[in-house]
Amino acid sequence: MIFDPKAPQERPFNDASSARKLYWIGSAIILSLALAYLGWVFYSRWQTDRAIEERLANHEREQAKQAYEGMGGSKFQILAFYASPTAVHRGEEATLCYGVSNAKSVKLDPPVDAVWPSEERCVNVTPSKTMTYTLTATDAAGHTTSATAVVEVR
């Protein structure tokens, strides 16, 4: 075989198009690996966030359940009824506070304006003598329950 410098030479792995092909294949592999890594990072963070949100939702449900039970739940009852202060001088005000759960109506005796079923409500009174106040609550079925509070007048 005679070497002819003008004749085309076969260079299967040395021409520019082969180098470009290898460059693009390598770049595609690196890009695919980078995208797979990013996908894994985002997915794992999404899973972590989802677990945190689920724990928070469970905690909030538990707090709501405790608050519901603390306010009487589904029971009909007087949660609280008290006077503050329990002793006043003639002409001074005292505050009667009450809380009921699942009541349809409430009544104070002796009558005081503006009473209604509430989980927490206070009304002001100005007794002229020592008074015993009675709170009576009634539920939708007609059951009643009562509690008393005394305000002493000096």
Protein backbone atom coordinates (compact mmCIF):
# COMPACT_ATOMS: atom_id res chain seq x y z
CA MET A 1 0.00 0.00 0.00
CA ILE A 2 1.33 3.35 -1.01
CA PHE A 3 0.72 6.42 1.06
CA ASP A 4 -1.03 9.11 -0.91
CA PRO A 5 -1.30 12.35 1.08
CA LYS A 6 -4.14 13.62 -1.08
CA ALA A 7 -6.25 10.51 -0.59
CA PRO A 8 -8.84 10.65 2.21
CA GLN A 9 -7.65 8.92 5.32
CA GLU A 10 -9.91 6.78 7.51
CA ARG A 11 -9.98 8.06 11.07
CA PRO A 12 -12.92 6.35 12.72
CA PHE A 13 -12.51 7.88 16.20
CA ASN A 14 -10.55 10.99 15.47
CA ASP A 15 -12.85 13.07 13.35
CA ALA A 16 -14.74 16.08 14.71
CA SER A 17 -18.22 14.58 14.33
CA SER A 18 -17.34 11.60 16.56
CA ALA A 19 -16.01 13.95 19.22
CA ARG A 20 -19.22 16.00 19.07
CA LYS A 21 -21.31 12.84 19.43
CA LEU A 22 -19.35 11.74 22.48
CA TYR A 23 -19.63 15.25 23.96
CA TRP A 24 -23.44 15.31 23.55
CA ILE A 25 -23.88 11.77 24.87
CA GLY A 26 -21.75 12.59 27.93
CA SER A 27 -23.61 15.86 28.46
CA ALA A 28 -26.97 14.09 28.22
CA ILE A 29 -25.89 11.50 30.78
CA ILE A 30 -24.64 14.18 33.19
CA LEU A 31 -27.82 16.23 32.71
CA SER A 32 -29.99 13.13 33.30
CA LEU A 33 -28.13 12.33 36.52
CA ALA A 34 -28.44 15.96 37.70
CA LEU A 35 -32.19 15.99 36.97
CA ALA A 36 -32.65 12.65 38.75
CA TYR A 37 -30.80 14.02 41.80
CA LEU A 38 -32.90 17.20 41.82
CA GLY A 39 -36.07 15.14 41.50
CA TRP A 40 -35.01 13.01 44.46
CA VAL A 41 -34.21 16.12 46.54
CA PHE A 42 -37.59 17.72 45.82
CA TYR A 43 -39.48 14.48 46.41
CA SER A 44 -37.76 13.82 49.75
CA ARG A 45 -38.45 17.40 50.89
CA TRP A 46 -42.09 17.04 49.83
CA GLN A 47 -42.35 13.83 51.87
CA THR A 48 -40.79 15.52 54.92
CA ASP A 49 -43.12 18.53 54.61
CA ARG A 50 -46.11 16.22 54.25
CA ALA A 51 -45.14 14.32 57.42
CA ILE A 52 -44.73 17.60 59.33
CA GLU A 53 -48.12 18.86 58.11
CA GLU A 54 -49.77 15.57 59.14
CA ARG A 55 -48.27 15.76 62.65
CA LEU A 56 -49.42 19.40 62.93
CA ALA A 57 -52.95 18.48 61.77
CA ASN A 58 -53.10 15.66 64.33
CA HIS A 59 -51.92 18.02 67.06
CA GLU A 60 -54.55 20.63 66.09
CA ARG A 61 -57.29 17.95 66.06
CA GLU A 62 -56.24 16.84 69.54
CA GLN A 63 -56.27 20.43 70.83
CA ALA A 64 -59.72 21.02 69.32
CA LYS A 65 -61.00 17.82 70.94
CA GLN A 66 -59.60 18.89 74.33
CA ALA A 67 -61.14 22.37 73.97
CA TYR A 68 -64.49 20.84 73.00
CA GLU A 69 -64.42 18.52 76.02
CA GLY A 70 -63.27 21.41 78.24
CA MET A 71 -66.30 23.41 77.16
CA GLY A 72 -68.66 20.62 78.10
CA GLY A 73 -68.55 18.54 74.95
CA SER A 74 -71.98 17.21 74.18
CA LYS A 75 -73.08 17.27 77.84
CA PHE A 76 -75.69 19.73 79.09
CA GLN A 77 -74.21 21.43 82.15
CA ILE A 78 -73.30 24.63 83.92
CA LEU A 79 -69.57 24.99 83.44
CA ALA A 80 -69.12 27.85 85.93
CA PHE A 81 -71.12 30.31 88.01
CA TYR A 82 -69.42 32.70 90.43
CA ALA A 83 -69.41 36.26 91.79
CA SER A 84 -66.41 38.57 91.83
CA PRO A 85 -65.90 40.05 94.33
CA THR A 86 -67.99 38.00 96.71
CA ALA A 87 -68.33 40.90 99.18
CA VAL A 88 -69.05 44.57 98.35
CA HIS A 89 -70.14 47.74 100.14
CA ARG A 90 -73.65 49.04 99.55
CA GLY A 91 -73.83 50.71 96.10
CA GLU A 92 -70.76 48.93 94.69
CA GLU A 93 -70.87 46.60 91.71
CA ALA A 94 -70.10 42.90 91.64
CA THR A 95 -69.74 40.76 88.57
CA LEU A 96 -71.61 37.49 88.08
CA CYS A 97 -69.94 35.21 85.55
CA TYR A 98 -71.37 32.02 84.14
CA GLY A 99 -70.74 29.46 81.45
CA VAL A 100 -73.07 26.77 80.17
CA SER A 101 -72.80 24.07 77.53
CA ASN A 102 -75.60 22.84 75.31
CA ALA A 103 -78.23 25.04 76.98
CA LYS A 104 -81.19 26.44 75.09
CA SER A 105 -81.88 29.16 77.65
CA VAL A 106 -80.53 30.58 80.91
CA LYS A 107 -82.21 32.62 83.62
CA LEU A 108 -80.84 34.49 86.63
CA ASP A 109 -82.94 34.92 89.74
CA PRO A 110 -83.30 37.68 90.92
CA PRO A 111 -83.62 38.77 87.29
CA VAL A 112 -80.69 40.49 85.62
CA ASP A 113 -80.84 42.03 82.16
CA ALA A 114 -79.09 40.54 79.14
CA VAL A 115 -78.48 36.90 79.95
CA TRP A 116 -78.28 34.22 77.28
CA PRO A 117 -76.60 30.83 76.82
CA SER A 118 -72.88 31.27 76.49
CA GLU A 119 -69.68 29.40 77.25
CA GLU A 120 -68.45 32.48 79.08
CA ARG A 121 -70.50 35.53 80.00
CA CYS A 122 -70.38 38.11 82.80
CA VAL A 123 -73.00 40.62 83.97
CA ASN A 124 -72.71 43.41 86.52
CA VAL A 125 -75.03 43.63 89.52
CA THR A 126 -75.40 46.23 92.28
CA PRO A 127 -77.12 44.52 95.21
CA SER A 128 -78.56 46.63 98.04
CA LYS A 129 -78.38 43.72 100.49
CA THR A 130 -76.70 40.31 100.62
CA MET A 131 -78.10 38.35 97.68
CA THR A 132 -78.05 34.74 96.59
CA TYR A 133 -78.23 34.57 92.79
CA THR A 134 -79.48 31.40 91.12
CA LEU A 135 -78.58 30.52 87.56
CA THR A 136 -80.99 28.08 85.91
CA ALA A 137 -80.14 26.57 82.54
CA THR A 138 -82.54 24.62 80.33
CA ASP A 139 -81.61 22.37 77.40
CA ALA A 140 -83.60 21.60 74.24
CA ALA A 141 -85.25 18.56 75.87
CA GLY A 142 -86.54 20.66 78.78
CA HIS A 143 -84.04 19.39 81.40
CA THR A 144 -82.89 22.01 83.89
CA THR A 145 -79.89 22.47 86.13
CA SER A 146 -79.10 25.22 88.64
CA ALA A 147 -76.20 26.78 90.50
CA THR A 148 -75.96 29.58 93.09
CA ALA A 149 -73.56 32.39 93.89
CA VAL A 150 -73.68 34.73 96.88
CA VAL A 151 -72.75 38.44 96.92
CA GLU A 152 -72.43 39.75 100.47
CA VAL A 153 -73.21 43.44 101.12
CA ARG A 154 -71.46 44.98 104.11
